[in-house]
PDB file of N, CA and C in Angstrom:
ATOM      1  N   MET A   1     102.136-106.863 -43.374  1.00  0.00           N
ATOM      2  CA  MET A   1     101.636-106.441 -42.192  1.00  0.00           C
ATOM      3  C   MET A   1     102.503-105.123 -41.834  1.00  0.00           C
ATOM      4  N   THR A   2     103.942-105.059 -42.154  1.00  0.00           N
ATOM      5  CA  THR A   2     104.593-103.967 -41.798  1.00  0.00           C
ATOM      6  C   THR A   2     104.031-102.741 -42.331  1.00  0.00           C
ATOM      7  N   ASN A   3     103.698-102.744 -43.707  1.00  0.00           N
ATOM      8  CA  ASN A   3     102.987-101.574 -44.379  1.00  0.00           C
ATOM      9  C   ASN A   3     101.700-101.209 -43.673  1.00  0.00           C
ATOM     10  N   LEU A   4     101.021-102.109 -43.072  1.00  0.00           N
ATOM     11  CA  LEU A   4      99.748-101.802 -42.465  1.00  0.00           C
ATOM     12  C   LEU A   4     100.076-100.954 -41.214  1.00  0.00           C
ATOM     13  N   VAL A   5     101.141-101.371 -40.584  1.00  0.00           N
ATOM     14  CA  VAL A   5     101.533-100.662 -39.344  1.00  0.00           C
ATOM     15  C   VAL A   5     102.207 -99.337 -39.635  1.00  0.00           C
ATOM     16  N   GLY A   6     102.929 -99.243 -40.701  1.00  0.00           N
ATOM     17  CA  GLY A   6     103.692 -98.059 -41.170  1.00  0.00           C
ATOM     18  C   GLY A   6     103.046 -96.911 -41.718  1.00  0.00           C
ATOM     19  N   PHE A   7     101.914 -97.440 -42.693  1.00  0.00           N
ATOM     20  CA  PHE A   7     101.185 -96.534 -43.578  1.00  0.00           C
ATOM     21  C   PHE A   7      99.616 -96.304 -43.182  1.00  0.00           C
ATOM     22  N   ALA A   8      98.880 -97.448 -43.093  1.00  0.00           N
ATOM     23  CA  ALA A   8      97.497 -97.354 -42.800  1.00  0.00           C
ATOM     24  C   ALA A   8      97.050 -96.813 -41.563  1.00  0.00           C
ATOM     25  N   VAL A   9      97.495 -97.338 -40.522  1.00  0.00           N
ATOM     26  CA  VAL A   9      97.119 -96.773 -39.224  1.00  0.00           C
ATOM     27  C   VAL A   9      97.470 -95.280 -38.940  1.00  0.00           C
ATOM     28  N   PRO A  10      98.724 -95.078 -39.251  1.00  0.00           N
ATOM     29  CA  PRO A  10      99.004 -93.609 -38.990  1.00  0.00           C
ATOM     30  C   PRO A  10      98.293 -92.732 -40.074  1.00  0.00           C
ATOM     31  N   ALA A  11      98.021 -93.134 -41.242  1.00  0.00           N
ATOM     32  CA  ALA A  11      97.230 -92.277 -42.099  1.00  0.00           C
ATOM     33  C   ALA A  11      95.873 -92.078 -41.718  1.00  0.00           C
ATOM     34  N   TRP A  12      95.315 -93.097 -40.970  1.00  0.00           N
ATOM     35  CA  TRP A  12      93.908 -92.983 -40.450  1.00  0.00           C
ATOM     36  C   TRP A  12      93.936 -91.940 -39.224  1.00  0.00           C
ATOM     37  N   LEU A  13      95.015 -92.161 -38.385  1.00  0.00           N
ATOM     38  CA  LEU A  13      95.207 -91.242 -37.351  1.00  0.00           C
ATOM     39  C   LEU A  13      95.616 -89.795 -37.631  1.00  0.00           C
ATOM     40  N   SER A  14      96.135 -89.750 -38.719  1.00  0.00           N
ATOM     41  CA  SER A  14      96.673 -88.384 -39.266  1.00  0.00           C
ATOM     42  C   SER A  14      95.349 -87.668 -39.744  1.00  0.00           C
ATOM     43  N   ILE A  15      94.494 -88.481 -40.367  1.00  0.00           N
ATOM     44  CA  ILE A  15      93.253 -87.677 -40.890  1.00  0.00           C
ATOM     45  C   ILE A  15      92.591 -87.111 -39.761  1.00  0.00           C
ATOM     46  N   GLN A  16      92.318 -88.083 -38.778  1.00  0.00           N
ATOM     47  CA  GLN A  16      91.654 -87.688 -37.415  1.00  0.00           C
ATOM     48  C   GLN A  16      92.257 -86.622 -36.790  1.00  0.00           C
ATOM     49  N   ALA A  17      93.532 -86.564 -36.719  1.00  0.00           N
ATOM     50  CA  ALA A  17      94.164 -85.442 -36.141  1.00  0.00           C
ATOM     51  C   ALA A  17      93.931 -84.120 -36.981  1.00  0.00           C
ATOM     52  N   LEU A  18      94.064 -84.131 -38.277  1.00  0.00           N
ATOM     53  CA  LEU A  18      93.755 -82.960 -39.026  1.00  0.00           C
ATOM     54  C   LEU A  18      92.277 -82.454 -38.741  1.00  0.00           C
ATOM     55  N   GLU A  19      91.462 -83.291 -38.560  1.00  0.00           N
ATOM     56  CA  GLU A  19      90.049 -82.964 -38.237  1.00  0.00           C
ATOM     57  C   GLU A  19      89.588 -82.522 -36.970  1.00  0.00           C
ATOM     58  N   SER A  20      90.562 -82.743 -35.918  1.00  0.00           N
ATOM     59  CA  SER A  20      90.373 -82.195 -34.544  1.00  0.00           C
ATOM     60  C   SER A  20      90.832 -80.776 -34.516  1.00  0.00           C
ATOM     61  N   SER A  21      90.369 -80.329 -33.431  1.00  0.00           N
ATOM     62  CA  SER A  21      90.860 -78.776 -33.233  1.00  0.00           C
ATOM     63  C   SER A  21      92.157 -78.609 -32.409  1.00  0.00           C
ATOM     64  N   SER A  22      92.757 -79.738 -31.921  1.00  0.00           N
ATOM     65  CA  SER A  22      94.146 -79.680 -31.221  1.00  0.00           C
ATOM     66  C   SER A  22      95.146 -79.567 -32.102  1.00  0.00           C
ATOM     67  N   PRO A  23      96.049 -78.800 -32.073  1.00  0.00           N
ATOM     68  CA  PRO A  23      97.293 -78.637 -32.816  1.00  0.00           C
ATOM     69  C   PRO A  23      98.375 -79.657 -32.393  1.00  0.00           C
ATOM     70  N   THR A  24      98.351 -80.168 -31.258  1.00  0.00           N
ATOM     71  CA  THR A  24      99.318 -81.020 -30.654  1.00  0.00           C
ATOM     72  C   THR A  24      99.340 -82.446 -31.395  1.00  0.00           C
ATOM     73  N   ASP A  25      97.991 -82.993 -31.655  1.00  0.00           N
ATOM     74  CA  ASP A  25      98.102 -84.237 -32.364  1.00  0.00           C
ATOM     75  C   ASP A  25      98.671 -84.002 -33.807  1.00  0.00           C
ATOM     76  N   ASP A  26      98.417 -82.842 -34.319  1.00  0.00           N
ATOM     77  CA  ASP A  26      98.782 -82.489 -35.806  1.00  0.00           C
ATOM     78  C   ASP A  26     100.396 -82.564 -35.885  1.00  0.00           C
ATOM     79  N   LYS A  27     101.034 -81.961 -34.782  1.00  0.00           N
ATOM     80  CA  LYS A  27     102.323 -81.992 -34.654  1.00  0.00           C
ATOM     81  C   LYS A  27     103.091 -83.368 -34.476  1.00  0.00           C
ATOM     82  N   HIS A  28     102.288 -84.074 -33.549  1.00  0.00           N
ATOM     83  CA  HIS A  28     102.775 -85.487 -33.457  1.00  0.00           C
ATOM     84  C   HIS A  28     102.711 -86.228 -34.714  1.00  0.00           C
ATOM     85  N   TRP A  29     101.660 -86.292 -35.394  1.00  0.00           N
ATOM     86  CA  TRP A  29     101.624 -87.071 -36.763  1.00  0.00           C
ATOM     87  C   TRP A  29     102.706 -86.400 -37.866  1.00  0.00           C
ATOM     88  N   LEU A  30     102.724 -85.173 -37.931  1.00  0.00           N
ATOM     89  CA  LEU A  30     103.723 -84.581 -38.778  1.00  0.00           C
ATOM     90  C   LEU A  30     105.139 -85.023 -38.485  1.00  0.00           C
ATOM     91  N   THR A  31     105.567 -84.961 -37.135  1.00  0.00           N
ATOM     92  CA  THR A  31     106.675 -85.459 -36.727  1.00  0.00           C
ATOM     93  C   THR A  31     106.979 -86.893 -37.105  1.00  0.00           C
ATOM     94  N   TYR A  32     105.841 -87.754 -36.819  1.00  0.00           N
ATOM     95  CA  TYR A  32     105.896 -89.260 -37.213  1.00  0.00           C
ATOM     96  C   TYR A  32     106.264 -89.253 -38.619  1.00  0.00           C
ATOM     97  N   TRP A  33     105.660 -88.538 -39.542  1.00  0.00           N
ATOM     98  CA  TRP A  33     105.903 -88.732 -40.887  1.00  0.00           C
ATOM     99  C   TRP A  33     107.139 -88.276 -41.354  1.00  0.00           C
ATOM    100  N   VAL A  34     107.811 -87.339 -40.764  1.00  0.00           N
ATOM    101  CA  VAL A  34     109.216 -86.909 -41.008  1.00  0.00           C
ATOM    102  C   VAL A  34     110.216 -88.188 -40.596  1.00  0.00           C
ATOM    103  N   ALA A  35     110.079 -88.598 -39.492  1.00  0.00           N
ATOM    104  CA  ALA A  35     110.614 -89.819 -38.895  1.00  0.00           C
ATOM    105  C   ALA A  35     110.531 -90.987 -39.698  1.00  0.00           C
ATOM    106  N   PHE A  36     109.317 -91.266 -40.120  1.00  0.00           N
ATOM    107  CA  PHE A  36     108.962 -92.324 -40.897  1.00  0.00           C
ATOM    108  C   PHE A  36     109.743 -92.369 -42.261  1.00  0.00           C
ATOM    109  N   SER A  37     109.808 -91.168 -42.922  1.00  0.00           N
ATOM    110  CA  SER A  37     110.288 -91.057 -44.295  1.00  0.00           C
ATOM    111  C   SER A  37     111.837 -91.123 -44.222  1.00  0.00           C
ATOM    112  N   SER A  38     112.369 -90.527 -43.194  1.00  0.00           N
ATOM    113  CA  SER A  38     113.804 -90.774 -42.942  1.00  0.00           C
ATOM    114  C   SER A  38     114.244 -92.012 -42.526  1.00  0.00           C
ATOM    115  N   PHE A  39     113.479 -92.855 -41.991  1.00  0.00           N
ATOM    116  CA  PHE A  39     113.649 -94.114 -41.704  1.00  0.00           C
ATOM    117  C   PHE A  39     113.631 -95.050 -42.974  1.00  0.00           C
ATOM    118  N   THR A  40     112.602 -94.888 -43.686  1.00  0.00           N
ATOM    119  CA  THR A  40     112.344 -95.592 -44.970  1.00  0.00           C
ATOM    120  C   THR A  40     113.415 -95.304 -45.981  1.00  0.00           C
ATOM    121  N   LEU A  41     113.938 -93.977 -46.076  1.00  0.00           N
ATOM    122  CA  LEU A  41     114.905 -93.651 -46.886  1.00  0.00           C
ATOM    123  C   LEU A  41     116.255 -94.354 -46.583  1.00  0.00           C
ATOM    124  N   LEU A  42     116.631 -94.363 -45.407  1.00  0.00           N
ATOM    125  CA  LEU A  42     117.932 -95.146 -44.849  1.00  0.00           C
ATOM    126  C   LEU A  42     117.647 -96.778 -45.178  1.00  0.00           C
ATOM    127  N   GLU A  43     116.456 -97.196 -44.960  1.00  0.00           N
ATOM    128  CA  GLU A  43     116.153 -98.488 -45.279  1.00  0.00           C
ATOM    129  C   GLU A  43     116.201 -98.921 -46.602  1.00  0.00           C
ATOM    130  N   SER A  44     115.748 -98.091 -47.600  1.00  0.00           N
ATOM    131  CA  SER A  44     115.863 -98.326 -49.064  1.00  0.00           C
ATOM    132  C   SER A  44     117.259 -98.435 -49.441  1.00  0.00           C
ATOM    133  N   ILE A  45     118.083 -97.529 -48.780  1.00  0.00           N
ATOM    134  CA  ILE A  45     119.602 -97.713 -49.243  1.00  0.00           C
ATOM    135  C   ILE A  45     120.193 -98.950 -48.849  1.00  0.00           C
ATOM    136  N   ALA A  46     119.915 -99.564 -47.641  1.00  0.00           N
ATOM    137  CA  ALA A  46     120.544-100.572 -47.094  1.00  0.00           C
ATOM    138  C   ALA A  46     119.681-101.942 -47.046  1.00  0.00           C
ATOM    139  N   LEU A  47     118.479-102.034 -47.687  1.00  0.00           N
ATOM    140  CA  LEU A  47     117.498-103.099 -47.482  1.00  0.00           C
ATOM    141  C   LEU A  47     118.149-104.434 -47.634  1.00  0.00           C
ATOM    142  N   ARG A  48     118.960-104.726 -48.742  1.00  0.00           N
ATOM    143  CA  ARG A  48     119.391-105.883 -49.037  1.00  0.00           C
ATOM    144  C   ARG A  48     120.356-106.475 -47.830  1.00  0.00           C
ATOM    145  N   GLY A  49     121.191-105.613 -47.287  1.00  0.00           N
ATOM    146  CA  GLY A  49     121.932-105.910 -46.025  1.00  0.00           C
ATOM    147  C   GLY A  49     121.082-106.213 -44.839  1.00  0.00           C
ATOM    148  N   LEU A  50     120.202-105.460 -44.764  1.00  0.00           N
ATOM    149  CA  LEU A  50     119.360-105.514 -43.599  1.00  0.00           C
ATOM    150  C   LEU A  50     118.403-106.797 -43.538  1.00  0.00           C
ATOM    151  N   ILE A  51     118.078-107.104 -44.745  1.00  0.00           N
ATOM    152  CA  ILE A  51     117.313-108.506 -44.772  1.00  0.00           C
ATOM    153  C   ILE A  51     118.236-109.603 -44.611  1.00  0.00           C
ATOM    154  N   TYR A  52     119.510-109.631 -45.120  1.00  0.00           N
ATOM    155  CA  TYR A  52     120.346-110.584 -45.123  1.00  0.00           C
ATOM    156  C   TYR A  52     121.079-110.738 -43.696  1.00  0.00           C
ATOM    157  N   PHE A  53     121.376-109.646 -43.006  1.00  0.00           N
ATOM    158  CA  PHE A  53     122.292-109.682 -41.893  1.00  0.00           C
ATOM    159  C   PHE A  53     121.490-109.641 -40.499  1.00  0.00           C
ATOM    160  N   VAL A  54     120.208-109.063 -40.816  1.00  0.00           N
ATOM    161  CA  VAL A  54     119.230-109.010 -39.434  1.00  0.00           C
ATOM    162  C   VAL A  54     118.134-109.850 -39.534  1.00  0.00           C
ATOM    163  N   PRO A  55     118.234-110.849 -38.772  1.00  0.00           N
ATOM    164  CA  PRO A  55     117.078-111.789 -38.738  1.00  0.00           C
ATOM    165  C   PRO A  55     115.608-111.147 -38.169  1.00  0.00           C
ATOM    166  N   TYR A  56     114.721-111.261 -38.738  1.00  0.00           N
ATOM    167  CA  TYR A  56     113.452-110.987 -38.493  1.00  0.00           C
ATOM    168  C   TYR A  56     113.394-109.242 -38.526  1.00  0.00           C
ATOM    169  N   TRP A  57     114.006-108.950 -39.711  1.00  0.00           N
ATOM    170  CA  TRP A  57     114.028-107.406 -39.938  1.00  0.00           C
ATOM    171  C   TRP A  57     112.664-106.852 -40.007  1.00  0.00           C
ATOM    172  N   PHE A  58     111.626-107.464 -40.575  1.00  0.00           N
ATOM    173  CA  PHE A  58     110.316-106.815 -40.734  1.00  0.00           C
ATOM    174  C   PHE A  58     109.564-106.741 -39.385  1.00  0.00           C
ATOM    175  N   VAL A  59     109.857-107.676 -38.363  1.00  0.00           N
ATOM    176  CA  VAL A  59     109.350-107.660 -37.029  1.00  0.00           C
ATOM    177  C   VAL A  59     109.979-106.469 -36.357  1.00  0.00           C
ATOM    178  N   ILE A  60     111.273-106.441 -36.368  1.00  0.00           N
ATOM    179  CA  ILE A  60     111.922-105.338 -35.673  1.00  0.00           C
ATOM    180  C   ILE A  60     111.438-103.936 -36.199  1.00  0.00           C
ATOM    181  N   LYS A  61     111.252-103.923 -37.600  1.00  0.00           N
ATOM    182  CA  LYS A  61     110.769-102.614 -38.179  1.00  0.00           C
ATOM    183  C   LYS A  61     109.465-102.310 -37.642  1.00  0.00           C
ATOM    184  N   SER A  62     108.531-103.248 -37.631  1.00  0.00           N
ATOM    185  CA  SER A  62     107.174-103.018 -37.231  1.00  0.00           C
ATOM    186  C   SER A  62     107.072-102.461 -35.715  1.00  0.00           C
ATOM    187  N   LEU A  63     107.965-103.208 -34.971  1.00  0.00           N
ATOM    188  CA  LEU A  63     108.059-102.629 -33.572  1.00  0.00           C
ATOM    189  C   LEU A  63     108.559-101.210 -33.504  1.00  0.00           C
ATOM    190  N   ALA A  64     109.559-100.922 -34.236  1.00  0.00           N
ATOM    191  CA  ALA A  64     110.227 -99.589 -34.300  1.00  0.00           C
ATOM    192  C   ALA A  64     109.032 -98.505 -34.754  1.00  0.00           C
ATOM    193  N   LEU A  65     108.285 -98.956 -35.724  1.00  0.00           N
ATOM    194  CA  LEU A  65     107.328 -98.003 -36.239  1.00  0.00           C
ATOM    195  C   LEU A  65     106.248 -97.736 -35.121  1.00  0.00           C
ATOM    196  N   VAL A  66     105.851 -98.918 -34.379  1.00  0.00           N
ATOM    197  CA  VAL A  66     104.984 -98.697 -33.260  1.00  0.00           C
ATOM    198  C   VAL A  66     105.524 -97.684 -32.238  1.00  0.00           C
ATOM    199  N   TYR A  67     106.814 -97.916 -32.055  1.00  0.00           N
ATOM    200  CA  TYR A  67     107.525 -97.071 -31.035  1.00  0.00           C
ATOM    201  C   TYR A  67     107.249 -95.559 -31.564  1.00  0.00           C
ATOM    202  N   LEU A  68     107.733 -95.305 -32.792  1.00  0.00           N
ATOM    203  CA  LEU A  68     107.555 -93.951 -33.399  1.00  0.00           C
ATOM    204  C   LEU A  68     106.184 -93.313 -33.253  1.00  0.00           C
ATOM    205  N   GLN A  69     105.228 -94.275 -33.317  1.00  0.00           N
ATOM    206  CA  GLN A  69     103.888 -93.717 -33.381  1.00  0.00           C
ATOM    207  C   GLN A  69     103.218 -93.352 -32.125  1.00  0.00           C
ATOM    208  N   LEU A  70     103.582 -94.231 -31.212  1.00  0.00           N
ATOM    209  CA  LEU A  70     102.982 -93.914 -29.890  1.00  0.00           C
ATOM    210  C   LEU A  70     103.250 -92.739 -29.193  1.00  0.00           C
ATOM    211  N   PRO A  71     102.095 -91.966 -28.637  1.00  0.00           N
ATOM    212  CA  PRO A  71     102.357 -90.723 -28.126  1.00  0.00           C
ATOM    213  C   PRO A  71     103.007 -90.824 -26.722  1.00  0.00           C
ATOM    214  N   SER A  72     102.770 -92.021 -26.004  1.00  0.00           N
ATOM    215  CA  SER A  72     103.407 -92.187 -24.704  1.00  0.00           C
ATOM    216  C   SER A  72     104.846 -92.445 -24.696  1.00  0.00           C
ATOM    217  N   THR A  73     105.416 -92.813 -25.846  1.00  0.00           N
ATOM    218  CA  THR A  73     106.806 -93.043 -25.888  1.00  0.00           C
ATOM    219  C   THR A  73     107.506 -91.759 -26.573  1.00  0.00           C
ATOM    220  N   ARG A  74     106.772 -91.025 -27.279  1.00  0.00           N
ATOM    221  CA  ARG A  74     107.232 -89.859 -28.108  1.00  0.00           C
ATOM    222  C   ARG A  74     108.540 -90.235 -28.860  1.00  0.00           C
ATOM    223  N   GLY A  75     108.507 -91.417 -29.429  1.00  0.00           N
ATOM    224  CA  GLY A  75     109.447 -91.895 -30.442  1.00  0.00           C
ATOM    225  C   GLY A  75     109.968 -91.170 -31.480  1.00  0.00           C
ATOM    226  N   ALA A  76     108.785 -90.736 -32.266  1.00  0.00           N
ATOM    227  CA  ALA A  76     109.012 -89.865 -33.319  1.00  0.00           C
ATOM    228  C   ALA A  76     109.759 -88.400 -32.956  1.00  0.00           C
ATOM    229  N   ALA A  77     109.337 -87.883 -31.980  1.00  0.00           N
ATOM    230  CA  ALA A  77     109.718 -86.630 -31.493  1.00  0.00           C
ATOM    231  C   ALA A  77     111.377 -86.812 -30.971  1.00  0.00           C
ATOM    232  N   LYS A  78     111.569 -87.991 -30.284  1.00  0.00           N
ATOM    233  CA  LYS A  78     112.944 -88.199 -29.873  1.00  0.00           C
ATOM    234  C   LYS A  78     113.903 -88.298 -30.965  1.00  0.00           C
ATOM    235  N   LEU A  79     113.376 -89.192 -31.993  1.00  0.00           N
ATOM    236  CA  LEU A  79     114.228 -89.383 -33.181  1.00  0.00           C
ATOM    237  C   LEU A  79     114.635 -87.856 -34.024  1.00  0.00           C
ATOM    238  N   TYR A  80     113.248 -87.123 -34.011  1.00  0.00           N
ATOM    239  CA  TYR A  80     113.486 -85.967 -34.780  1.00  0.00           C
ATOM    240  C   TYR A  80     114.453 -85.047 -33.901  1.00  0.00           C
ATOM    241  N   ASP A  81     114.398 -84.880 -32.750  1.00  0.00           N
ATOM    242  CA  ASP A  81     115.089 -83.967 -31.950  1.00  0.00           C
ATOM    243  C   ASP A  81     116.594 -84.368 -31.907  1.00  0.00           C
ATOM    244  N   ASN A  82     116.785 -85.727 -31.672  1.00  0.00           N
ATOM    245  CA  ASN A  82     118.135 -86.170 -31.469  1.00  0.00           C
ATOM    246  C   ASN A  82     119.117 -86.472 -32.687  1.00  0.00           C
ATOM    247  N   VAL A  83     118.251 -86.716 -33.933  1.00  0.00           N
ATOM    248  CA  VAL A  83     119.004 -87.353 -35.076  1.00  0.00           C
ATOM    249  C   VAL A  83     118.757 -86.524 -36.329  1.00  0.00           C
ATOM    250  N   ILE A  84     117.446 -86.335 -36.679  1.00  0.00           N
ATOM    251  CA  ILE A  84     117.153 -85.637 -37.711  1.00  0.00           C
ATOM    252  C   ILE A  84     117.292 -84.068 -37.751  1.00  0.00           C
ATOM    253  N   ARG A  85     116.804 -83.434 -36.764  1.00  0.00           N
ATOM    254  CA  ARG A  85     117.013 -82.069 -36.629  1.00  0.00           C
ATOM    255  C   ARG A  85     118.477 -81.544 -36.694  1.00  0.00           C
ATOM    256  N   PRO A  86     119.286 -82.261 -35.856  1.00  0.00           N
ATOM    257  CA  PRO A  86     120.839 -81.726 -35.917  1.00  0.00           C
ATOM    258  C   PRO A  86     121.450 -81.888 -37.153  1.00  0.00           C
ATOM    259  N   VAL A  87     121.100 -83.007 -37.964  1.00  0.00           N
ATOM    260  CA  VAL A  87     121.775 -83.217 -39.323  1.00  0.00           C
ATOM    261  C   VAL A  87     121.025 -82.252 -40.253  1.00  0.00           C
ATOM    262  N   PHE A  88     119.750 -81.951 -40.154  1.00  0.00           N
ATOM    263  CA  PHE A  88     119.157 -80.870 -41.076  1.00  0.00           C
ATOM    264  C   PHE A  88     119.651 -79.556 -40.822  1.00  0.00           C
ATOM    265  N   VAL A  89     119.784 -79.023 -39.568  1.00  0.00           N
ATOM    266  CA  VAL A  89     120.307 -77.709 -39.151  1.00  0.00           C
ATOM    267  C   VAL A  89     121.623 -77.553 -39.693  1.00  0.00           C
ATOM    268  N   LYS A  90     122.596 -78.530 -39.404  1.00  0.00           N
ATOM    269  CA  LYS A  90     123.985 -78.486 -39.743  1.00  0.00           C
ATOM    270  C   LYS A  90     124.246 -78.502 -41.156  1.00  0.00           C
ATOM    271  N   LYS A  91     123.542 -79.517 -41.904  1.00  0.00           N
ATOM    272  CA  LYS A  91     124.032 -79.910 -43.221  1.00  0.00           C
ATOM    273  C   LYS A  91     122.959 -79.389 -44.231  1.00  0.00           C
ATOM    274  N   LEU A  92     121.871 -79.590 -44.093  1.00  0.00           N
ATOM    275  CA  LEU A  92     120.900 -79.184 -45.228  1.00  0.00           C
ATOM    276  C   LEU A  92     120.212 -77.721 -45.149  1.00  0.00           C
ATOM    277  N   ALA A  93     120.078 -77.196 -43.925  1.00  0.00           N
ATOM    278  CA  ALA A  93     119.410 -75.891 -43.982  1.00  0.00           C
ATOM    279  C   ALA A  93     120.303 -74.799 -44.607  1.00  0.00           C
ATOM    280  N   PRO A  94     121.548 -74.668 -44.427  1.00  0.00           N
ATOM    281  CA  PRO A  94     122.223 -73.755 -45.099  1.00  0.00           C
ATOM    282  C   PRO A  94     122.183 -73.739 -46.634  1.00  0.00           C
ATOM    283  N   ALA A  95     122.356 -74.946 -47.065  1.00  0.00           N
ATOM    284  CA  ALA A  95     122.106 -75.105 -48.547  1.00  0.00           C
ATOM    285  C   ALA A  95     120.708 -74.783 -49.105  1.00  0.00           C
ATOM    286  N   ALA A  96     119.723 -75.154 -48.312  1.00  0.00           N
ATOM    287  CA  ALA A  96     118.348 -74.772 -48.621  1.00  0.00           C
ATOM    288  C   ALA A  96     118.136 -73.234 -48.534  1.00  0.00           C
ATOM    289  N   ARG A  97     118.703 -72.622 -47.568  1.00  0.00           N
ATOM    290  CA  ARG A  97     118.561 -71.022 -47.491  1.00  0.00           C
ATOM    291  C   ARG A  97     119.322 -70.552 -48.652  1.00  0.00           C
ATOM    292  N   GLN A  98     120.546 -71.092 -49.012  1.00  0.00           N
ATOM    293  CA  GLN A  98     121.262 -70.303 -50.118  1.00  0.00           C
ATOM    294  C   GLN A  98     120.326 -70.616 -51.411  1.00  0.00           C
ATOM    295  N   SER A  99     119.866 -71.647 -51.492  1.00  0.00           N
ATOM    296  CA  SER A  99     119.162 -72.198 -52.963  1.00  0.00           C
ATOM    297  C   SER A  99     117.894 -71.315 -53.067  1.00  0.00           C
ATOM    298  N   ALA A 100     117.238 -70.973 -51.921  1.00  0.00           N
ATOM    299  CA  ALA A 100     115.988 -70.235 -51.894  1.00  0.00           C
ATOM    300  C   ALA A 100     116.413 -68.807 -52.055  1.00  0.00           C
ATOM    301  N   ALA A 101     117.424 -68.239 -51.521  1.00  0.00           N
ATOM    302  CA  ALA A 101     117.799 -66.857 -51.652  1.00  0.00           C
ATOM    303  C   ALA A 101     118.163 -66.671 -53.262  1.00  0.00           C
ATOM    304  N   SER A 102     118.801 -67.581 -53.898  1.00  0.00           N
ATOM    305  CA  SER A 102     119.199 -67.380 -55.154  1.00  0.00           C
ATOM    306  C   SER A 102     117.979 -67.393 -56.172  1.00  0.00           C
ATOM    307  N   THR A 103     116.917 -68.532 -55.817  1.00  0.00           N
ATOM    308  CA  THR A 103     115.847 -68.516 -56.593  1.00  0.00           C
ATOM    309  C   THR A 103     114.960 -67.226 -56.434  1.00  0.00           C
ATOM    310  N   SER A 104     114.809 -66.981 -55.212  1.00  0.00           N
ATOM    311  CA  SER A 104     113.930 -65.587 -54.974  1.00  0.00           C
ATOM    312  C   SER A 104     114.483 -64.518 -55.642  1.00  0.00           C
ATOM    313  N   ALA A 105     115.904 -64.361 -55.768  1.00  0.00           N
ATOM    314  CA  ALA A 105     116.534 -63.155 -56.437  1.00  0.00           C
ATOM    315  C   ALA A 105     116.203 -63.142 -57.973  1.00  0.00           C
ATOM    316  N   THR A 106     116.196 -64.191 -58.510  1.00  0.00           N
ATOM    317  CA  THR A 106     116.008 -64.397 -60.010  1.00  0.00           C
ATOM    318  C   THR A 106     114.545 -64.455 -60.161  1.00  0.00           C
ATOM    319  N   SER A 107     113.627 -64.947 -59.267  1.00  0.00           N
ATOM    320  CA  SER A 107     112.322 -65.031 -59.721  1.00  0.00           C
ATOM    321  C   SER A 107     111.453 -63.760 -59.338  1.00  0.00           C
ATOM    322  N   SER A 108     112.114 -62.867 -58.621  1.00  0.00           N
ATOM    323  CA  SER A 108     111.383 -61.654 -58.132  1.00  0.00           C
ATOM    324  C   SER A 108     111.424 -60.655 -59.423  1.00  0.00           C
ATOM    325  N   ALA A 109     112.153 -60.725 -60.313  1.00  0.00           N
ATOM    326  CA  ALA A 109     112.152 -59.730 -61.476  1.00  0.00           C
ATOM    327  C   ALA A 109     110.932 -59.640 -62.217  1.00  0.00           C
ATOM    328  N   PRO A 110     110.367 -60.987 -62.658  1.00  0.00           N
ATOM    329  CA  PRO A 110     108.966 -60.944 -63.421  1.00  0.00           C
ATOM    330  C   PRO A 110     107.924 -60.437 -62.429  1.00  0.00           C
ATOM    331  N   VAL A 111     107.948 -60.612 -61.109  1.00  0.00           N
ATOM    332  CA  VAL A 111     106.868 -60.128 -60.225  1.00  0.00           C
ATOM    333  C   VAL A 111     107.074 -58.657 -60.070  1.00  0.00           C
ATOM    334  N   ASP A 112     108.217 -58.136 -60.212  1.00  0.00           N
ATOM    335  CA  ASP A 112     108.410 -56.709 -60.013  1.00  0.00           C
ATOM    336  C   ASP A 112     107.863 -55.939 -61.364  1.00  0.00           C
ATOM    337  N   ASP A 113     108.142 -56.509 -62.423  1.00  0.00           N
ATOM    338  CA  ASP A 113     107.722 -56.029 -63.623  1.00  0.00           C
ATOM    339  C   ASP A 113     106.271 -56.086 -63.791  1.00  0.00           C
ATOM    340  N   TYR A 114     105.768 -57.180 -63.294  1.00  0.00           N
ATOM    341  CA  TYR A 114     104.193 -57.204 -63.291  1.00  0.00           C
ATOM    342  C   TYR A 114     103.538 -56.102 -62.383  1.00  0.00           C
ATOM    343  N   VAL A 115     104.173 -55.933 -61.246  1.00  0.00           N
ATOM    344  CA  VAL A 115     103.587 -54.892 -60.247  1.00  0.00           C
ATOM    345  C   VAL A 115     103.781 -53.517 -60.873  1.00  0.00           C
ATOM    346  N   LYS A 116     104.869 -53.248 -61.531  1.00  0.00           N
ATOM    347  CA  LYS A 116     105.048 -51.923 -62.198  1.00  0.00           C
ATOM    348  C   LYS A 116     103.970 -51.579 -63.283  1.00  0.00           C
ATOM    349  N   THR A 117     103.529 -52.643 -64.002  1.00  0.00           N
ATOM    350  CA  THR A 117     102.507 -52.489 -65.013  1.00  0.00           C
ATOM    351  C   THR A 117     101.131 -52.302 -64.503  1.00  0.00           C
ATOM    352  N   ILE A 118     100.950 -52.698 -63.337  1.00  0.00           N
ATOM    353  CA  ILE A 118      99.565 -52.489 -62.512  1.00  0.00           C
ATOM    354  C   ILE A 118      99.546 -51.206 -62.022  1.00  0.00           C
TER     355      ILE A 118
END
């Protein structure tokens, strides 16, 4: 039941959002998937403890996923703005920028050689 709430319904609504002309619903569902994947990652690290120490874990998880999904609660946006984005900006973004810069510097030489031959 939790997987139905977490995967199937949002996937269906994401497809509908992609087929609509409004970019607002696209942003909502993209934010949901980022929040959902972060939530799932943390859960996978601590699943045994959660199941053992938190009674009715899957009921709580299902309710949390509904909270993340509902546009009226803006749960996914709140989680992203208050938790995920600050962590990403402070910890992960500088490393990603540095990695991208070193990759582009080393990978641009073959492209430059190709452009010169044309």
